[in-house]
């Protein structure tokens, strides 16, 4: 299990994403020149004592008109994003070699739970997928074989439709995942796409999965999406999966050993959790701590001497 920060690098960030992080409009001149400047100097940021000044000067060198207005916009944006920029300047130029990790280990888990920003989840995912893609295609699938499990896929490849929530800046991860699914099967790289809300995952991703395991789904939008990518009528999907028991799924597709859809039961070996203790144990400890506090006698400052003087001062 590796922390997601080990896969972060300055190369994962492009100018357009950096400008968006600062809340600037990429279509305005200030956003345009700042994006260009970031792409040109991002690998120099780690070696520069004053990365903010470096980026500002590089951006202003591209300005020929409205210099005062653009300068004010740049200074304001860079002032807001100074901490972000300093954090980026500390990142390595290249992340870990994920192919070498795959060769050495049967299972590699990238833990993103400590990173709060969805944008970094998306950049790390796209970086890993792009690197696997380039190495697999370059070696024509002879160097390694791997299956990639993408959990919470709606964050990385959301459905681009009105009313569907979009988190962070998923354009790059969406493109990386769709491209990889369409090309890498022939180069010994497979994918498991996992989500609790199939309605929020792009059809371009789900439709390229040749096998589907559907657990209990109650929402009509999810029934619609599953129907659209499996070819099963919506009313049949709704009747089959709305009342499924826990850990029971509906299996359909090429990976099934049967020529017809079947129900399967899964056996849970480990309960996945980000916390180190289950909530029942944490609540038990909290109750025990509260009980002990109630039993502890209050501190008494009665008596003479300095203790008595202190008590008098507090009351007076």
Protein backbone atom coordinates (compact mmCIF):
# COMPACT_ATOMS: atom_id res chain seq x y z
CA UNK A 1 0.00 0.00 0.00
CA UNK A 2 1.56 3.28 -1.13
CA UNK A 3 0.47 6.80 -0.28
CA UNK A 4 -0.88 8.72 -3.25
CA UNK A 5 1.59 11.55 -2.64
CA UNK A 6 4.37 9.27 -3.88
CA UNK A 7 2.82 9.45 -7.34
CA UNK A 8 2.56 13.23 -7.48
CA UNK A 9 4.97 15.21 -9.63
CA UNK A 10 5.22 18.69 -11.08
CA UNK A 11 4.86 17.12 -14.52
CA UNK A 12 1.28 16.11 -13.69
CA UNK A 13 0.19 19.74 -13.53
CA UNK A 14 -0.37 21.70 -16.73
CA UNK A 15 -0.85 25.42 -17.11
CA UNK A 16 -4.59 25.24 -17.73
CA UNK A 17 -5.17 23.24 -14.53
CA UNK A 18 -2.93 25.55 -12.52
CA UNK A 19 -4.85 28.61 -13.70
CA UNK A 20 -8.15 26.94 -12.80
CA UNK A 21 -6.84 26.18 -9.30
CA UNK A 22 -6.22 29.90 -8.83
CA UNK A 23 -9.78 30.71 -9.90
CA UNK A 24 -8.75 32.49 -13.10
CA UNK A 25 -10.57 32.42 -16.43
CA UNK A 26 -8.36 30.71 -19.00
CA UNK A 27 -10.05 32.69 -21.77
CA UNK A 28 -8.88 36.03 -20.39
CA UNK A 29 -5.45 37.31 -21.33
CA UNK A 30 -4.11 37.11 -17.78
CA UNK A 31 -5.14 33.47 -17.49
CA UNK A 32 -3.77 32.67 -20.93
CA UNK A 33 -0.28 34.11 -20.32
CA UNK A 34 -0.07 32.60 -16.83
CA UNK A 35 -0.92 29.14 -18.20
CA UNK A 36 1.74 29.50 -20.89
CA UNK A 37 4.31 30.72 -18.36
CA UNK A 38 3.60 27.83 -15.99
CA UNK A 39 4.05 25.24 -18.74
CA UNK A 40 7.39 26.79 -19.67
CA UNK A 41 8.94 27.17 -16.20
CA UNK A 42 7.27 24.48 -14.05
CA UNK A 43 10.39 22.31 -14.01
CA UNK A 44 12.45 25.30 -12.87
CA UNK A 45 10.23 26.02 -9.86
CA UNK A 46 11.99 23.45 -7.67
CA UNK A 47 15.36 25.12 -8.23
CA UNK A 48 14.18 28.71 -7.78
CA UNK A 49 14.13 30.52 -4.43
CA UNK A 50 11.21 32.77 -5.42
CA UNK A 51 8.82 30.76 -7.63
CA UNK A 52 6.07 33.41 -7.45
CA UNK A 53 8.33 36.12 -8.86
CA UNK A 54 9.67 33.75 -11.53
CA UNK A 55 6.19 32.91 -12.75
CA UNK A 56 5.00 36.52 -12.66
CA UNK A 57 7.97 37.80 -14.66
CA UNK A 58 7.60 35.03 -17.24
CA UNK A 59 3.90 35.76 -17.67
CA UNK A 60 4.42 39.52 -17.97
CA UNK A 61 7.06 38.97 -20.67
CA UNK A 62 4.23 37.73 -22.90
CA UNK A 63 2.09 40.85 -22.42
CA UNK A 64 2.17 43.69 -24.96
CA UNK A 65 -1.12 45.51 -24.25
CA UNK A 66 -3.09 46.42 -21.11
CA UNK A 67 -0.01 45.65 -19.03
CA UNK A 68 -1.23 47.41 -15.88
CA UNK A 69 -4.58 45.60 -15.82
CA UNK A 70 -3.03 42.20 -16.51
CA UNK A 71 -0.29 42.84 -13.96
CA UNK A 72 -2.89 43.56 -11.28
CA UNK A 73 -4.82 40.38 -12.14
CA UNK A 74 -1.66 38.28 -12.05
CA UNK A 75 -0.49 39.70 -8.72
CA UNK A 76 -3.89 39.12 -7.16
CA UNK A 77 -4.11 35.52 -8.42
CA UNK A 78 -0.54 34.64 -7.47
CA UNK A 79 -1.02 36.15 -4.03
CA UNK A 80 -4.06 33.90 -3.49
CA UNK A 81 -2.21 30.89 -4.84
CA UNK A 82 1.20 31.43 -3.22
CA UNK A 83 0.84 28.44 -0.90
CA UNK A 84 -0.31 26.23 -3.79
CA UNK A 85 2.64 27.33 -5.89
CA UNK A 86 5.14 26.69 -3.10
CA UNK A 87 3.67 23.24 -2.58
CA UNK A 88 3.99 22.49 -6.29
CA UNK A 89 7.58 23.70 -6.32
CA UNK A 90 8.48 20.99 -3.78
CA UNK A 91 7.17 18.13 -5.92
CA UNK A 92 9.64 15.86 -7.75
CA UNK A 93 9.94 16.19 -11.50
CA UNK A 94 8.92 12.56 -12.05
CA UNK A 95 6.74 10.21 -9.95
CA UNK A 96 7.49 6.61 -9.00
CA UNK A 97 7.86 4.12 -11.85
CA UNK A 98 4.56 2.28 -11.56
CA UNK A 99 5.60 -0.40 -14.08
CA UNK A 100 8.55 -1.43 -11.90
CA UNK A 101 6.21 -1.55 -8.90
CA UNK A 102 3.84 -3.82 -10.81
CA UNK A 103 6.71 -6.12 -11.76
CA UNK A 104 7.89 -6.45 -8.14
CA UNK A 105 4.50 -6.80 -6.43
CA UNK A 106 1.43 -8.87 -7.11
CA UNK A 107 -0.83 -6.10 -5.80
CA UNK A 108 -0.13 -2.35 -5.63
CA UNK A 109 -2.67 -0.16 -3.81
CA UNK A 110 -2.49 3.61 -4.23
CA UNK A 111 -4.06 5.16 -1.14
CA UNK A 112 -5.59 8.56 -1.92
CA UNK A 113 -7.55 8.88 1.32
CA UNK A 114 -5.14 11.40 2.89
CA UNK A 115 -5.38 13.84 -0.04
CA UNK A 116 -8.42 16.10 0.37
CA UNK A 117 -8.39 17.67 -3.07
CA UNK A 118 -10.22 15.72 -5.76
CA UNK A 119 -8.14 17.49 -8.42
CA UNK A 120 -5.03 15.69 -7.20
CA UNK A 121 -6.84 12.35 -7.14
CA UNK A 122 -7.66 12.91 -10.79
CA UNK A 123 -4.14 13.98 -11.75
CA UNK A 124 -2.54 11.03 -9.99
CA UNK A 125 -4.96 8.61 -11.66
CA UNK A 126 -4.40 10.06 -15.13
CA UNK A 127 -0.63 10.07 -14.60
CA UNK A 128 -0.59 6.38 -13.65
CA UNK A 129 -2.92 5.37 -16.49
CA UNK A 130 -1.00 7.41 -19.08
CA UNK A 131 2.32 5.90 -17.97
CA UNK A 132 0.96 2.36 -18.11
CA UNK A 133 -0.47 3.11 -21.55
CA UNK A 134 2.76 4.44 -23.01
CA UNK A 135 4.86 1.55 -21.66
CA UNK A 136 2.36 -1.12 -22.70
CA UNK A 137 2.05 0.22 -26.24
CA UNK A 138 5.82 0.77 -26.60
CA UNK A 139 6.55 -2.85 -25.61
CA UNK A 140 3.54 -4.19 -27.52
CA UNK A 141 2.31 -5.81 -24.33
CA UNK A 142 5.44 -7.92 -23.78
CA UNK A 143 6.91 -6.09 -20.76
CA UNK A 144 4.09 -6.56 -18.24
CA UNK A 145 0.45 -7.52 -17.78
CA UNK A 146 -1.79 -5.86 -15.22
CA UNK A 147 -5.39 -5.27 -14.21
CA UNK A 148 -6.19 -1.76 -13.00
CA UNK A 149 -9.01 -1.28 -10.49
CA UNK A 150 -10.54 2.21 -10.57
CA UNK A 151 -12.69 2.83 -7.50
CA UNK A 152 -15.24 5.66 -7.34
CA UNK A 153 -15.04 5.93 -11.11
CA UNK A 154 -17.54 8.81 -11.21
CA UNK A 155 -14.79 11.14 -9.97
CA UNK A 156 -12.44 10.25 -12.84
CA UNK A 157 -14.79 9.78 -15.78
CA UNK A 158 -18.13 11.47 -15.03
CA UNK A 159 -21.06 11.38 -17.41
CA UNK A 160 -21.04 14.65 -19.33
CA UNK A 161 -24.77 15.35 -19.10
CA UNK A 162 -26.95 18.06 -17.52
CA UNK A 163 -27.74 17.36 -13.89
CA UNK A 164 -24.83 14.99 -13.35
CA UNK A 165 -22.44 16.32 -10.68
CA UNK A 166 -18.83 16.91 -11.66
CA UNK A 167 -16.06 17.15 -9.11
CA UNK A 168 -12.66 18.78 -9.43
CA UNK A 169 -11.19 19.01 -12.93
CA UNK A 170 -11.81 15.58 -14.53
CA UNK A 171 -11.11 16.41 -18.18
CA UNK A 172 -7.66 14.82 -18.25
CA UNK A 173 -8.55 11.73 -16.20
CA UNK A 174 -11.70 11.28 -18.34
CA UNK A 175 -9.62 11.36 -21.51
CA UNK A 176 -6.92 9.05 -20.09
CA UNK A 177 -9.42 6.44 -18.92
CA UNK A 178 -11.54 6.41 -22.07
CA UNK A 179 -8.44 6.17 -24.27
CA UNK A 180 -6.91 3.38 -22.17
CA UNK A 181 -10.09 1.32 -22.16
CA UNK A 182 -10.36 1.53 -25.93
CA UNK A 183 -6.72 0.62 -26.66
CA UNK A 184 -5.01 -1.32 -23.89
CA UNK A 185 -7.02 -4.53 -23.92
CA UNK A 186 -4.87 -5.69 -26.82
CA UNK A 187 -1.70 -4.87 -24.87
CA UNK A 188 -2.41 -6.99 -21.78
CA UNK A 189 -3.80 -4.19 -19.61
CA UNK A 190 -7.32 -4.70 -18.26
CA UNK A 191 -9.62 -2.59 -16.12
CA UNK A 192 -12.17 -3.03 -13.35
CA UNK A 193 -14.47 0.00 -13.11
CA UNK A 194 -16.12 0.28 -9.68
CA UNK A 195 -18.87 2.72 -8.69
CA UNK A 196 -21.91 2.99 -6.46
CA UNK A 197 -23.63 5.32 -8.95
CA UNK A 198 -23.40 4.07 -12.55
CA UNK A 199 -25.61 6.97 -13.66
CA UNK A 200 -22.74 9.32 -12.82
CA UNK A 201 -20.12 7.38 -14.84
CA UNK A 202 -19.57 8.12 -18.51
CA UNK A 203 -21.22 5.78 -21.01
CA UNK A 204 -17.95 5.97 -22.95
CA UNK A 205 -16.39 4.05 -20.05
CA UNK A 206 -19.19 1.68 -19.05
CA UNK A 207 -19.99 0.67 -22.62
CA UNK A 208 -16.41 -0.57 -23.10
CA UNK A 209 -16.71 -2.98 -20.16
CA UNK A 210 -17.50 -6.41 -21.60
CA UNK A 211 -18.78 -7.78 -18.27
CA UNK A 212 -21.01 -6.19 -15.63
CA UNK A 213 -21.71 -7.20 -12.04
CA UNK A 214 -24.65 -5.18 -10.73
CA UNK A 215 -25.45 -5.11 -7.02
CA UNK A 216 -28.52 -3.54 -5.43
CA UNK A 217 -29.49 -0.27 -7.13
CA UNK A 218 -32.59 1.69 -6.19
CA UNK A 219 -32.40 4.85 -8.32
CA UNK A 220 -34.16 4.99 -11.67
CA UNK A 221 -31.25 6.90 -13.21
CA UNK A 222 -28.92 4.00 -12.36
CA UNK A 223 -31.36 1.53 -13.91
CA UNK A 224 -31.39 3.66 -17.09
CA UNK A 225 -27.60 3.69 -17.31
CA UNK A 226 -27.21 -0.05 -16.73
CA UNK A 227 -29.90 -0.74 -19.31
CA UNK A 228 -28.19 1.48 -21.88
CA UNK A 229 -24.82 -0.30 -21.59
CA UNK A 230 -26.06 -3.89 -21.21
CA UNK A 231 -28.98 -3.87 -23.63
CA UNK A 232 -31.39 -5.17 -21.01
CA UNK A 233 -34.76 -3.38 -20.80
CA UNK A 234 -34.95 -0.89 -17.97
CA UNK A 235 -38.00 -2.53 -16.36
CA UNK A 236 -36.16 -5.85 -16.23
CA UNK A 237 -33.07 -4.28 -14.67
CA UNK A 238 -35.23 -2.49 -12.10
CA UNK A 239 -37.09 -5.66 -11.15
CA UNK A 240 -33.88 -7.73 -10.94
CA UNK A 241 -31.56 -5.48 -8.92
CA UNK A 242 -33.80 -3.22 -6.80
CA UNK A 243 -34.34 -5.83 -4.10
CA UNK A 244 -31.07 -7.76 -4.12
CA UNK A 245 -29.69 -8.89 -0.77
CA UNK A 246 -26.35 -7.61 0.50
CA UNK A 247 -23.35 -9.07 -1.34
CA UNK A 248 -25.51 -10.55 -4.11
CA UNK A 249 -24.96 -9.35 -7.67
CA UNK A 250 -26.35 -9.83 -11.17
CA UNK A 251 -23.63 -11.08 -13.57
CA UNK A 252 -23.81 -10.56 -17.30
CA UNK A 253 -21.12 -10.50 -19.98
CA UNK A 254 -18.17 -12.26 -21.56
CA UNK A 255 -16.34 -13.07 -18.30
CA UNK A 256 -19.29 -15.10 -17.04
CA UNK A 257 -18.82 -18.88 -17.35
CA UNK A 258 -22.50 -19.15 -18.26
CA UNK A 259 -24.26 -18.37 -21.51
CA UNK A 260 -27.00 -16.52 -19.67
CA UNK A 261 -27.16 -13.90 -16.88
CA UNK A 262 -26.92 -15.30 -13.36
CA UNK A 263 -26.99 -14.13 -9.76
CA UNK A 264 -23.83 -14.57 -7.72
CA UNK A 265 -23.01 -14.24 -4.05
CA UNK A 266 -19.75 -12.64 -2.95
CA UNK A 267 -17.88 -13.48 0.22
CA UNK A 268 -16.29 -10.64 2.12
CA UNK A 269 -12.84 -11.38 3.56
CA UNK A 270 -11.88 -7.90 4.68
CA UNK A 271 -14.06 -4.93 5.44
CA UNK A 272 -12.62 -1.96 3.51
CA UNK A 273 -12.29 1.17 5.62
CA UNK A 274 -10.21 4.33 5.73
CA UNK A 275 -10.37 4.52 9.51
CA UNK A 276 -8.17 2.21 11.60
CA UNK A 277 -11.07 1.33 13.93
CA UNK A 278 -14.75 0.58 13.24
CA UNK A 279 -17.29 3.15 14.51
CA UNK A 280 -18.59 0.74 17.17
CA UNK A 281 -15.14 0.57 18.78
CA UNK A 282 -14.64 4.34 18.62
CA UNK A 283 -18.07 4.94 20.20
CA UNK A 284 -17.31 2.41 22.94
CA UNK A 285 -14.08 4.25 23.78
CA UNK A 286 -15.86 7.61 23.79
CA UNK A 287 -18.48 6.30 26.23
CA UNK A 288 -15.75 4.85 28.45
CA UNK A 289 -13.81 8.14 28.47
CA UNK A 290 -16.98 10.05 29.34
CA UNK A 291 -17.71 7.64 32.21
CA UNK A 292 -14.19 8.06 33.60
CA UNK A 293 -14.45 11.85 33.45
CA UNK A 294 -17.67 11.78 35.46
CA UNK A 295 -16.01 9.61 38.12
CA UNK A 296 -12.95 11.88 38.49
CA UNK A 297 -13.37 14.20 41.53
CA UNK A 298 -13.12 17.94 40.80
CA UNK A 299 -9.91 19.78 41.69
CA UNK A 300 -10.19 21.51 45.06
CA UNK A 301 -8.28 24.70 45.91
CA UNK A 302 -9.57 25.07 49.47
CA UNK A 303 -7.17 25.80 52.31
CA UNK A 304 -4.59 28.40 53.19
CA UNK A 305 -1.29 29.44 51.77
CA UNK A 306 -0.67 30.17 48.14
CA UNK A 307 -3.42 27.84 46.98
CA UNK A 308 -5.95 29.85 48.95
CA UNK A 309 -4.60 33.09 47.54
CA UNK A 310 -4.94 31.79 44.00
CA UNK A 311 -8.52 30.77 44.66
CA UNK A 312 -9.30 34.24 46.00
CA UNK A 313 -7.78 35.90 42.95
CA UNK A 314 -9.90 33.78 40.60
CA UNK A 315 -13.08 34.70 42.41
CA UNK A 316 -12.28 38.37 42.76
